[in-house]
Amino acid sequence: ITPPNTKVDMELGERGCEVLEQIDIGSDKVLEVLAGLKVEKSSRPGELCPRILWEVREEIAGSRTQIFNSSLATGEAPEDWRKINVVPLFKTSCRNEQANYRPVSLTSVVGKLLEKAL
């Protein structure tokens, strides 16, 4: 996240985890990430699909920025952003063999947005 040989001030948050105080995401960066969403991708069950987030990107960029910065300041992320669904994806050959599948992780679209904004 930071260039080499850059000093970053860190302190311990409420949970005893290190908190990066200097990271601040701007609404222009969040809008840029929202505009770059791949709308054809699917989302996890019960979550907003990327197409909806993309279509309302200008209206939600400010509030998303506040939520992301609050999460970074406290060192905590909502539980929904951290949940992962792992599903098997068929590769090739016989469908009856376990070795012909690979695991695919379905993660939160909003959690991915935060990662890309960083």
C-alpha atoms as a PDB file:
ATOM      1  CA  ILE A   1       0.000   0.000   0.000  1.00  0.00           C
ATOM      2  CA  THR A   2       2.842   2.390   0.787  1.00  0.00           C
ATOM      3  CA  PRO A   3       6.059   2.943  -1.147  1.00  0.00           C
ATOM      4  CA  PRO A   4       9.248   1.379   0.270  1.00  0.00           C
ATOM      5  CA  ASN A   5      11.013   3.290   3.054  1.00  0.00           C
ATOM      6  CA  THR A   6       7.816   5.189   3.925  1.00  0.00           C
ATOM      7  CA  LYS A   7       7.023   5.538   7.601  1.00  0.00           C
ATOM      8  CA  VAL A   8       3.404   4.858   8.509  1.00  0.00           C
ATOM      9  CA  ASP A   9       2.160   5.776  11.978  1.00  0.00           C
ATOM     10  CA  MET A  10       0.269   2.895  13.536  1.00  0.00           C
ATOM     11  CA  GLU A  11      -1.525   2.504  16.825  1.00  0.00           C
ATOM     12  CA  LEU A  12      -3.519  -0.255  18.452  1.00  0.00           C
ATOM     13  CA  GLY A  13      -7.272  -0.074  17.943  1.00  0.00           C
ATOM     14  CA  GLU A  14      -9.989  -1.170  20.367  1.00  0.00           C
ATOM     15  CA  ARG A  15      -9.480  -4.845  19.518  1.00  0.00           C
ATOM     16  CA  GLY A  16      -5.696  -4.683  19.920  1.00  0.00           C
ATOM     17  CA  CYS A  17      -5.131  -4.640  16.163  1.00  0.00           C
ATOM     18  CA  GLU A  18      -2.905  -2.184  14.412  1.00  0.00           C
ATOM     19  CA  VAL A  19      -4.860   0.637  12.752  1.00  0.00           C
ATOM     20  CA  LEU A  20      -3.486   2.610   9.824  1.00  0.00           C
ATOM     21  CA  GLU A  21      -4.322   6.232  10.543  1.00  0.00           C
ATOM     22  CA  GLN A  22      -3.040   7.767   7.309  1.00  0.00           C
ATOM     23  CA  ILE A  23      -5.229   5.919   4.826  1.00  0.00           C
ATOM     24  CA  ASP A  24      -8.090   8.045   3.563  1.00  0.00           C
ATOM     25  CA  ILE A  25     -10.068   7.103   0.482  1.00  0.00           C
ATOM     26  CA  GLY A  26     -11.570   9.933  -1.564  1.00  0.00           C
ATOM     27  CA  SER A  27     -15.034   9.818  -3.089  1.00  0.00           C
ATOM     28  CA  ASP A  28     -13.479  10.271  -6.531  1.00  0.00           C
ATOM     29  CA  LYS A  29     -11.557   7.006  -6.052  1.00  0.00           C
ATOM     30  CA  VAL A  30     -14.688   5.173  -4.864  1.00  0.00           C
ATOM     31  CA  LEU A  31     -16.617   6.519  -7.876  1.00  0.00           C
ATOM     32  CA  GLU A  32     -13.817   5.335 -10.165  1.00  0.00           C
ATOM     33  CA  VAL A  33     -13.940   1.837  -8.661  1.00  0.00           C
ATOM     34  CA  LEU A  34     -17.740   1.731  -8.877  1.00  0.00           C
ATOM     35  CA  ALA A  35     -17.596   2.841 -12.527  1.00  0.00           C
ATOM     36  CA  GLY A  36     -15.195  -0.027 -13.248  1.00  0.00           C
ATOM     37  CA  LEU A  37     -17.482  -2.732 -11.846  1.00  0.00           C
ATOM     38  CA  LYS A  38     -17.984  -5.746 -14.075  1.00  0.00           C
ATOM     39  CA  VAL A  39     -21.769  -5.705 -14.237  1.00  0.00           C
ATOM     40  CA  GLU A  40     -22.051  -9.154 -15.812  1.00  0.00           C
ATOM     41  CA  LYS A  41     -20.549 -10.812 -12.713  1.00  0.00           C
ATOM     42  CA  SER A  42     -22.844 -12.461 -10.200  1.00  0.00           C
ATOM     43  CA  SER A  43     -23.018 -11.686  -6.508  1.00  0.00           C
ATOM     44  CA  ARG A  44     -23.583 -13.783  -3.430  1.00  0.00           C
ATOM     45  CA  PRO A  45     -27.159 -14.617  -2.419  1.00  0.00           C
ATOM     46  CA  GLY A  46     -28.819 -11.748  -0.552  1.00  0.00           C
ATOM     47  CA  GLU A  47     -26.380  -9.142  -1.843  1.00  0.00           C
ATOM     48  CA  LEU A  48     -26.867  -6.303  -4.297  1.00  0.00           C
ATOM     49  CA  CYS A  49     -25.770  -7.266  -7.760  1.00  0.00           C
ATOM     50  CA  PRO A  50     -22.949  -5.276  -9.395  1.00  0.00           C
ATOM     51  CA  ARG A  51     -25.316  -3.857 -12.051  1.00  0.00           C
ATOM     52  CA  ILE A  52     -27.391  -2.058  -9.400  1.00  0.00           C
ATOM     53  CA  LEU A  53     -24.274  -0.681  -7.691  1.00  0.00           C
ATOM     54  CA  TRP A  54     -22.968   0.484 -11.070  1.00  0.00           C
ATOM     55  CA  GLU A  55     -26.227   2.212 -12.013  1.00  0.00           C
ATOM     56  CA  VAL A  56     -26.442   4.169  -8.734  1.00  0.00           C
ATOM     57  CA  ARG A  57     -22.681   4.772  -8.435  1.00  0.00           C
ATOM     58  CA  GLU A  58     -22.896   8.573  -8.402  1.00  0.00           C
ATOM     59  CA  GLU A  59     -25.575   8.579  -5.704  1.00  0.00           C
ATOM     60  CA  ILE A  60     -23.781   6.145  -3.376  1.00  0.00           C
ATOM     61  CA  ALA A  61     -20.128   7.150  -3.856  1.00  0.00           C
ATOM     62  CA  GLY A  62     -20.213   9.632  -0.958  1.00  0.00           C
ATOM     63  CA  SER A  63     -21.834   7.287   1.548  1.00  0.00           C
ATOM     64  CA  ARG A  64     -19.623   4.362   0.492  1.00  0.00           C
ATOM     65  CA  THR A  65     -16.570   6.593   0.985  1.00  0.00           C
ATOM     66  CA  GLN A  66     -17.659   7.385   4.546  1.00  0.00           C
ATOM     67  CA  ILE A  67     -18.296   3.709   5.309  1.00  0.00           C
ATOM     68  CA  PHE A  68     -14.932   2.642   3.862  1.00  0.00           C
ATOM     69  CA  ASN A  69     -13.009   5.341   5.751  1.00  0.00           C
ATOM     70  CA  SER A  70     -14.818   4.471   8.977  1.00  0.00           C
ATOM     71  CA  SER A  71     -13.921   0.821   8.497  1.00  0.00           C
ATOM     72  CA  LEU A  72     -10.275   1.702   7.898  1.00  0.00           C
ATOM     73  CA  ALA A  73     -10.170   4.052  10.905  1.00  0.00           C
ATOM     74  CA  THR A  74     -11.555   1.431  13.305  1.00  0.00           C
ATOM     75  CA  GLY A  75      -9.732  -1.525  11.757  1.00  0.00           C
ATOM     76  CA  GLU A  76     -12.982  -3.457  11.469  1.00  0.00           C
ATOM     77  CA  ALA A  77     -15.063  -4.574   8.525  1.00  0.00           C
ATOM     78  CA  PRO A  78     -18.704  -5.688   8.599  1.00  0.00           C
ATOM     79  CA  GLU A  79     -19.115  -9.435   8.887  1.00  0.00           C
ATOM     80  CA  ASP A  80     -20.884  -9.621   5.511  1.00  0.00           C
ATOM     81  CA  TRP A  81     -17.758  -8.290   3.794  1.00  0.00           C
ATOM     82  CA  ARG A  82     -15.675 -11.075   5.336  1.00  0.00           C
ATOM     83  CA  LYS A  83     -17.928 -14.032   4.543  1.00  0.00           C
ATOM     84  CA  ILE A  84     -16.870 -16.267   1.678  1.00  0.00           C
ATOM     85  CA  ASN A  85     -18.856 -18.945  -0.127  1.00  0.00           C
ATOM     86  CA  VAL A  86     -16.650 -21.622  -1.648  1.00  0.00           C
ATOM     87  CA  VAL A  87     -18.187 -23.612  -4.488  1.00  0.00           C
ATOM     88  CA  PRO A  88     -16.713 -26.342  -6.704  1.00  0.00           C
ATOM     89  CA  LEU A  89     -16.179 -25.451 -10.360  1.00  0.00           C
ATOM     90  CA  PHE A  90     -15.883 -28.255 -12.900  1.00  0.00           C
ATOM     91  CA  LYS A  91     -12.628 -28.221 -14.914  1.00  0.00           C
ATOM     92  CA  THR A  92     -12.507 -31.078 -17.429  1.00  0.00           C
ATOM     93  CA  SER A  93     -13.007 -34.784 -18.069  1.00  0.00           C
ATOM     94  CA  CYS A  94     -15.232 -36.946 -15.852  1.00  0.00           C
ATOM     95  CA  ARG A  95     -17.645 -35.140 -13.528  1.00  0.00           C
ATOM     96  CA  ASN A  96     -17.560 -38.049 -11.064  1.00  0.00           C
ATOM     97  CA  GLU A  97     -13.929 -37.471 -10.046  1.00  0.00           C
ATOM     98  CA  GLN A  98     -13.227 -34.988  -7.287  1.00  0.00           C
ATOM     99  CA  ALA A  99      -9.868 -34.026  -8.841  1.00  0.00           C
ATOM    100  CA  ASN A 100     -11.716 -32.528 -11.820  1.00  0.00           C
ATOM    101  CA  TYR A 101     -13.094 -29.675  -9.731  1.00  0.00           C
ATOM    102  CA  ARG A 102     -11.419 -26.588  -8.351  1.00  0.00           C
ATOM    103  CA  PRO A 103     -12.660 -24.362  -5.525  1.00  0.00           C
ATOM    104  CA  VAL A 104     -13.957 -20.889  -6.357  1.00  0.00           C
ATOM    105  CA  SER A 105     -14.476 -18.293  -3.633  1.00  0.00           C
ATOM    106  CA  LEU A 106     -17.487 -16.005  -3.935  1.00  0.00           C
ATOM    107  CA  THR A 107     -16.745 -12.903  -1.891  1.00  0.00           C
ATOM    108  CA  SER A 108     -18.672  -9.724  -1.146  1.00  0.00           C
ATOM    109  CA  VAL A 109     -18.884  -7.202  -3.987  1.00  0.00           C
ATOM    110  CA  VAL A 110     -18.639  -4.321  -1.488  1.00  0.00           C
ATOM    111  CA  GLY A 111     -15.606  -5.921   0.171  1.00  0.00           C
ATOM    112  CA  LYS A 112     -13.944  -6.154  -3.234  1.00  0.00           C
ATOM    113  CA  LEU A 113     -14.734  -2.481  -3.856  1.00  0.00           C
ATOM    114  CA  LEU A 114     -12.869  -1.534  -0.674  1.00  0.00           C
ATOM    115  CA  GLU A 115      -9.873  -3.634  -1.700  1.00  0.00           C
ATOM    116  CA  LYS A 116      -9.749  -2.012  -5.130  1.00  0.00           C
ATOM    117  CA  ALA A 117     -10.078   1.486  -3.665  1.00  0.00           C
ATOM    118  CA  LEU A 118      -6.990   0.870  -1.544  1.00  0.00           C
END
